[in-house]
Amino acid sequence: MLFVVIEFPFLFCDVEIRVEERHRVADGGFVAPTINSFGHTFRDYHVESERQKGVEEFYRTNHINQTVDFVRRMREEYGELKRVEMSIWECCELLNEFVDESDPDLDEPQIQHLLQTAEAIRKDCPDEDWLHLTALIHDLGKVLLHPAFGELPQWAVVGDTFPVGCAFDESIVHHKHFQENPDNRNPAYNTKYGIYSQGCGLDNVLISWGHDDYMYLVAKENKSTLPSAGLFIIRYHSFYALHRCDAYKHLMNEEDRENLQWLKIFNKYDLYSKSKVLIDVDKVKPYYLSLINKSEKEGCFERLGSLE
């Protein structure tokens, strides 16, 4: 089995980010649509459709299997970051093969989602190149779906994320399926705080395993110099119970609260830029390659070896 490790010492480490000062929306900027490409409201998990049936089945499997033991095992196994050689852009192109089965709003290849998100942010915030790059790489952990990276099932790679080791908040989509999760019956894990404490900080909380946490581990292991807000976005952009419903705030510390402001800004583009109007990849590729080149050091992906 192969695991990816990215070496990208981003050059934004000394940037002081202040949301109220730095988030300047350009004239004629991105306007969030009111309906998705299927004619429904965004994140509507109850509308009747063939795609929705598949989405609910995805979440049923996800909610049953995402346990403390599973997450710890995945973090230990994938945290070793055995190496293969691949650039960030090659990794983006690899995602062209995959459609996210958990997403009720988009059935386009994932490279389109990356670029739609990044281009929407670029339109509104032309000077925030760290945020453009964060958008480009935020879903790269979905390479875990590829045979070269273990070919994990979709329920272990995509979908909304949530803490494990404490009670599953009712705001989590398709919450009813947690009834079959063994942690839901474990008194050590099924209370408000579970194995955590007030204000412990989300970095100390186990989050359901998937592309978000994997990419976060990759960035941390390689000492990425993205601002902490960028790392926060990467790890928690699928944590909708937090940034849309204000659940689990009792576990946050002050740094989490500051970074949450940027995550909420990012979510506007991550969610509402999904469209059947596709990005011309060849047209925007030079700009993103320039960002990658700015952030790289002797190639972004180190050589990976196989695990015995």
Protein backbone atom coordinates (compact mmCIF):
# COMPACT_ATOMS: atom_id res chain seq x y z
CA MET A 1 0.00 0.00 0.00
CA LEU A 2 1.27 3.50 -0.84
CA PHE A 3 0.83 6.74 1.01
CA VAL A 4 1.50 10.25 -0.18
CA VAL A 5 3.61 12.86 1.50
CA ILE A 6 3.79 16.41 0.27
CA GLU A 7 6.69 18.71 0.87
CA PHE A 8 5.46 22.25 0.36
CA PRO A 9 7.14 24.83 2.59
CA PHE A 10 4.71 27.61 1.73
CA LEU A 11 6.12 31.09 1.82
CA PHE A 12 3.36 32.75 3.79
CA CYS A 13 4.55 31.96 7.34
CA ASP A 14 5.15 35.57 8.39
CA VAL A 15 1.82 36.86 7.11
CA GLU A 16 -0.33 38.29 9.89
CA ILE A 17 -3.91 37.59 8.93
CA ARG A 18 -6.71 39.78 10.19
CA VAL A 19 -10.07 38.84 8.75
CA GLU A 20 -11.58 42.30 8.95
CA GLU A 21 -8.50 43.87 7.33
CA ARG A 22 -7.46 41.25 4.79
CA HIS A 23 -10.76 39.97 3.40
CA ARG A 24 -11.42 42.55 0.71
CA VAL A 25 -14.00 41.50 -1.88
CA ALA A 26 -13.24 42.81 -5.36
CA ASP A 27 -15.84 44.66 -7.41
CA GLY A 28 -17.94 42.36 -9.57
CA GLY A 29 -16.99 39.46 -7.33
CA PHE A 30 -18.40 35.98 -6.86
CA VAL A 31 -22.15 35.83 -6.26
CA ALA A 32 -23.42 32.74 -4.46
CA PRO A 33 -26.27 31.03 -6.34
CA THR A 34 -29.47 30.05 -4.55
CA ILE A 35 -29.83 26.59 -6.15
CA ASN A 36 -27.37 23.90 -7.13
CA SER A 37 -26.78 22.42 -10.58
CA PHE A 38 -29.63 19.92 -10.02
CA GLY A 39 -32.19 22.66 -9.30
CA HIS A 40 -32.28 22.05 -5.54
CA THR A 41 -31.09 24.10 -2.59
CA PHE A 42 -27.51 23.40 -1.55
CA ARG A 43 -26.89 20.61 0.95
CA ASP A 44 -30.49 19.41 0.79
CA TYR A 45 -30.17 15.83 2.04
CA HIS A 46 -33.89 15.10 2.00
CA VAL A 47 -35.05 15.96 -1.52
CA GLU A 48 -36.18 12.88 -3.43
CA SER A 49 -33.75 11.88 -6.19
CA GLU A 50 -31.68 8.92 -7.29
CA ARG A 51 -28.49 10.75 -6.26
CA GLN A 52 -29.87 11.43 -2.79
CA LYS A 53 -30.51 7.73 -2.21
CA GLY A 54 -26.85 7.04 -2.85
CA VAL A 55 -25.80 9.94 -0.64
CA GLU A 56 -27.83 8.63 2.30
CA GLU A 57 -26.44 5.13 1.90
CA PHE A 58 -22.97 6.65 1.90
CA TYR A 59 -23.67 8.38 5.22
CA ARG A 60 -25.22 5.28 6.76
CA THR A 61 -21.99 3.36 6.14
CA ASN A 62 -19.85 6.31 7.21
CA HIS A 63 -21.69 6.86 10.49
CA ILE A 64 -21.59 3.20 11.46
CA ASN A 65 -17.86 2.77 10.83
CA GLN A 66 -16.24 6.05 11.94
CA THR A 67 -15.21 5.11 15.48
CA VAL A 68 -12.40 6.12 17.82
CA ASP A 69 -10.57 2.86 17.13
CA PHE A 70 -10.91 3.27 13.36
CA VAL A 71 -9.69 6.87 13.38
CA ARG A 72 -6.71 6.08 15.60
CA ARG A 73 -5.77 3.17 13.37
CA MET A 74 -5.98 5.26 10.20
CA ARG A 75 -4.00 8.14 11.69
CA GLU A 76 -1.26 5.79 12.81
CA GLU A 77 -1.14 3.94 9.49
CA TYR A 78 -1.33 6.94 7.17
CA GLY A 79 0.67 9.23 9.43
CA GLU A 80 3.79 7.29 8.49
CA LEU A 81 3.67 9.05 5.10
CA LYS A 82 5.58 6.56 3.00
CA ARG A 83 6.70 8.20 -0.19
CA VAL A 84 5.96 8.39 -3.91
CA GLU A 85 6.97 11.06 -6.40
CA MET A 86 4.23 13.34 -7.65
CA SER A 87 3.73 17.07 -8.03
CA ILE A 88 0.77 19.01 -6.64
CA TRP A 89 -0.55 19.55 -10.15
CA GLU A 90 -0.21 15.86 -11.00
CA CYS A 91 -2.15 15.15 -7.84
CA CYS A 92 -4.89 17.57 -8.95
CA GLU A 93 -5.09 15.80 -12.30
CA LEU A 94 -5.30 12.45 -10.56
CA LEU A 95 -8.55 13.62 -8.97
CA ASN A 96 -10.03 14.04 -12.43
CA GLU A 97 -10.95 10.35 -12.14
CA PHE A 98 -13.21 10.75 -9.11
CA VAL A 99 -16.68 12.04 -8.26
CA ASP A 100 -17.55 12.57 -4.59
CA GLU A 101 -20.41 10.18 -3.73
CA SER A 102 -21.27 12.15 -0.58
CA ASP A 103 -21.93 15.42 -2.40
CA PRO A 104 -25.56 16.20 -3.30
CA ASP A 105 -24.54 19.35 -5.18
CA LEU A 106 -21.94 18.23 -7.70
CA ASP A 107 -21.23 15.23 -9.90
CA GLU A 108 -18.26 16.67 -11.76
CA PRO A 109 -14.66 15.41 -11.41
CA GLN A 110 -12.90 16.71 -8.32
CA ILE A 111 -10.32 18.78 -10.20
CA GLN A 112 -13.21 20.99 -11.31
CA HIS A 113 -14.29 21.50 -7.71
CA LEU A 114 -10.75 22.49 -6.68
CA LEU A 115 -10.49 25.03 -9.47
CA GLN A 116 -14.05 26.34 -9.12
CA THR A 117 -13.37 27.03 -5.44
CA ALA A 118 -9.96 28.59 -6.02
CA GLU A 119 -11.13 30.74 -8.94
CA ALA A 120 -14.14 32.06 -7.00
CA ILE A 121 -11.85 33.10 -4.15
CA ARG A 122 -9.33 34.57 -6.58
CA LYS A 123 -12.08 36.70 -8.11
CA ASP A 124 -13.11 38.16 -4.77
CA CYS A 125 -9.74 38.21 -3.01
CA PRO A 126 -7.06 38.69 -5.69
CA ASP A 127 -4.31 39.50 -3.19
CA GLU A 128 -4.82 36.50 -0.90
CA ASP A 129 -2.59 34.04 -2.74
CA TRP A 130 -2.26 31.85 0.36
CA LEU A 131 -6.04 31.36 0.23
CA HIS A 132 -5.98 30.59 -3.50
CA LEU A 133 -3.42 27.88 -2.85
CA THR A 134 -5.30 26.56 0.18
CA ALA A 135 -8.38 26.23 -2.06
CA LEU A 136 -6.41 24.40 -4.72
CA ILE A 137 -5.04 21.80 -2.29
CA HIS A 138 -7.85 21.56 0.29
CA ASP A 139 -9.29 18.35 -1.21
CA LEU A 140 -6.08 16.74 -2.45
CA GLY A 141 -6.40 14.14 0.30
CA LYS A 142 -9.07 12.52 -1.89
CA VAL A 143 -6.19 10.79 -3.68
CA LEU A 144 -6.81 8.15 -0.99
CA LEU A 145 -9.50 6.88 -3.35
CA HIS A 146 -6.86 6.00 -5.94
CA PRO A 147 -5.29 2.50 -6.03
CA ALA A 148 -1.83 4.06 -5.76
CA PHE A 149 -2.81 5.48 -2.37
CA GLY A 150 -4.67 2.56 -0.86
CA GLU A 151 -8.03 2.80 -2.66
CA LEU A 152 -9.95 3.45 0.54
CA PRO A 153 -13.76 3.28 0.26
CA GLN A 154 -15.51 6.60 -0.20
CA TRP A 155 -17.01 6.52 3.31
CA ALA A 156 -13.44 6.67 4.68
CA VAL A 157 -12.36 9.55 2.43
CA VAL A 158 -15.17 12.03 1.73
CA GLY A 159 -18.29 13.43 3.39
CA ASP A 160 -18.97 15.71 6.35
CA THR A 161 -16.57 15.21 9.24
CA PHE A 162 -17.25 15.25 12.98
CA PRO A 163 -15.47 14.50 16.26
CA VAL A 164 -15.26 10.95 17.55
CA GLY A 165 -14.73 10.22 21.23
CA CYS A 166 -17.70 12.31 22.36
CA ALA A 167 -21.41 12.48 21.63
CA PHE A 168 -22.47 12.80 17.99
CA ASP A 169 -24.27 16.13 17.71
CA GLU A 170 -27.76 16.02 16.21
CA SER A 171 -26.80 18.68 13.65
CA ILE A 172 -24.64 16.12 11.79
CA VAL A 173 -26.31 15.15 8.52
CA HIS A 174 -28.23 11.84 8.67
CA HIS A 175 -27.61 11.67 12.41
CA LYS A 176 -30.01 8.74 12.85
CA HIS A 177 -27.45 6.32 11.44
CA PHE A 178 -25.14 6.84 14.42
CA GLN A 179 -27.47 4.54 16.35
CA GLU A 180 -25.54 1.62 14.86
CA ASN A 181 -22.12 3.07 15.69
CA PRO A 182 -20.60 1.10 18.61
CA ASP A 183 -19.15 4.28 20.15
CA ASN A 184 -22.69 5.59 20.55
CA ARG A 185 -23.24 2.91 23.20
CA ASN A 186 -19.89 3.42 24.94
CA PRO A 187 -20.25 5.59 28.09
CA ALA A 188 -16.67 6.78 27.67
CA TYR A 189 -17.53 8.28 24.29
CA ASN A 190 -21.22 9.19 24.28
CA THR A 191 -21.29 12.26 26.55
CA LYS A 192 -20.92 15.94 25.63
CA TYR A 193 -17.20 16.01 26.43
CA GLY A 194 -16.38 12.31 26.17
CA ILE A 195 -12.60 11.95 26.29
CA TYR A 196 -12.05 15.73 25.89
CA SER A 197 -12.33 18.80 28.12
CA GLN A 198 -13.65 22.35 27.92
CA GLY A 199 -11.52 24.47 25.57
CA CYS A 200 -9.02 21.68 24.90
CA GLY A 201 -8.52 22.87 21.31
CA LEU A 202 -9.65 21.12 18.15
CA ASP A 203 -6.09 20.08 17.37
CA ASN A 204 -6.43 17.70 20.34
CA VAL A 205 -9.74 16.26 19.09
CA LEU A 206 -10.00 13.15 16.93
CA ILE A 207 -11.97 13.96 13.79
CA SER A 208 -13.63 11.31 11.62
CA TRP A 209 -11.06 9.98 9.18
CA GLY A 210 -10.98 11.25 5.63
CA HIS A 211 -9.23 13.43 3.09
CA ASP A 212 -9.33 16.48 5.39
CA ASP A 213 -7.39 14.97 8.29
CA TYR A 214 -5.02 13.16 5.95
CA MET A 215 -4.08 16.34 4.10
CA TYR A 216 -3.68 18.11 7.42
CA LEU A 217 -1.28 15.41 8.64
CA VAL A 218 0.68 15.69 5.41
CA ALA A 219 1.01 19.46 5.76
CA LYS A 220 1.96 19.28 9.45
CA GLU A 221 4.52 16.52 8.90
CA ASN A 222 6.21 18.56 6.19
CA LYS A 223 6.22 21.71 8.33
CA SER A 224 4.06 23.65 5.90
CA THR A 225 4.35 27.38 6.42
CA LEU A 226 0.78 28.06 5.39
CA PRO A 227 -0.78 30.33 7.99
CA SER A 228 -2.58 28.49 10.77
CA ALA A 229 -5.86 29.59 9.16
CA GLY A 230 -4.90 27.66 6.02
CA LEU A 231 -4.21 24.49 8.00
CA PHE A 232 -7.45 24.99 9.91
CA ILE A 233 -9.36 25.24 6.63
CA ILE A 234 -7.75 22.06 5.32
CA ARG A 235 -8.63 20.00 8.40
CA TYR A 236 -12.11 21.35 9.16
CA HIS A 237 -13.64 22.45 5.84
CA SER A 238 -15.98 19.41 5.94
CA PHE A 239 -16.84 19.93 9.63
CA TYR A 240 -20.25 21.46 8.88
CA ALA A 241 -21.63 20.81 12.35
CA LEU A 242 -19.09 23.36 13.57
CA HIS A 243 -18.96 26.05 10.93
CA ARG A 244 -22.63 25.97 9.91
CA CYS A 245 -24.39 24.89 13.13
CA ASP A 246 -21.99 26.09 15.87
CA ALA A 247 -21.78 22.62 17.43
CA TYR A 248 -18.73 21.54 19.45
CA LYS A 249 -17.67 25.10 20.21
CA HIS A 250 -17.11 24.03 23.81
CA LEU A 251 -14.00 22.18 22.59
CA MET A 252 -12.47 25.18 20.84
CA ASN A 253 -9.63 27.36 22.11
CA GLU A 254 -8.91 30.99 21.21
CA GLU A 255 -6.86 30.17 18.12
CA ASP A 256 -9.68 27.96 16.85
CA ARG A 257 -12.15 30.80 17.28
CA GLU A 258 -9.94 33.18 15.29
CA ASN A 259 -9.39 30.67 12.48
CA LEU A 260 -13.08 29.80 12.33
CA GLN A 261 -13.73 33.24 10.86
CA TRP A 262 -11.57 32.36 7.84
CA LEU A 263 -13.15 28.93 7.52
CA LYS A 264 -16.59 30.51 7.29
CA ILE A 265 -15.35 32.81 4.54
CA PHE A 266 -13.80 29.85 2.71
CA ASN A 267 -16.98 27.79 2.99
CA LYS A 268 -18.93 30.28 0.88
CA TYR A 269 -16.69 29.46 -2.06
CA ASP A 270 -16.19 25.77 -1.29
CA LEU A 271 -19.95 25.18 -1.28
CA TYR A 272 -21.51 27.70 -3.64
CA SER A 273 -18.96 27.65 -6.46
CA LYS A 274 -20.05 24.13 -7.45
CA SER A 275 -21.42 24.43 -10.96
CA LYS A 276 -21.90 22.77 -14.34
CA VAL A 277 -20.01 25.74 -15.79
CA LEU A 278 -16.57 24.18 -15.97
CA ILE A 279 -13.24 25.92 -15.52
CA ASP A 280 -10.91 26.00 -18.52
CA VAL A 281 -8.07 24.07 -16.92
CA ASP A 282 -5.46 25.02 -19.51
CA LYS A 283 -6.30 28.70 -19.09
CA VAL A 284 -5.84 28.85 -15.31
CA LYS A 285 -3.09 26.26 -15.00
CA PRO A 286 -0.19 28.74 -15.44
CA TYR A 287 -1.36 30.83 -12.48
CA TYR A 288 -1.62 27.88 -10.13
CA LEU A 289 1.67 26.46 -11.31
CA SER A 290 3.23 29.80 -10.40
CA LEU A 291 1.76 29.53 -6.89
CA ILE A 292 3.00 25.96 -6.60
CA ASN A 293 6.47 26.95 -7.78
CA LYS A 294 6.48 29.72 -5.21
CA SER A 295 5.72 27.24 -2.47
CA GLU A 296 7.83 24.31 -3.53
CA LYS A 297 11.26 23.21 -2.52
CA GLU A 298 12.84 20.67 -4.87
CA GLY A 299 9.47 19.33 -5.91
CA CYS A 300 6.30 19.23 -3.93
CA PHE A 301 5.88 15.50 -3.58
CA GLU A 302 8.75 13.49 -2.23
CA ARG A 303 9.43 9.95 -3.27
CA LEU A 304 7.11 7.45 -1.62
CA GLY A 305 7.96 3.86 -0.92
CA SER A 306 5.64 0.93 -0.39
CA LEU A 307 4.62 -0.45 2.95
CA GLU A 308 5.29 -4.09 3.49
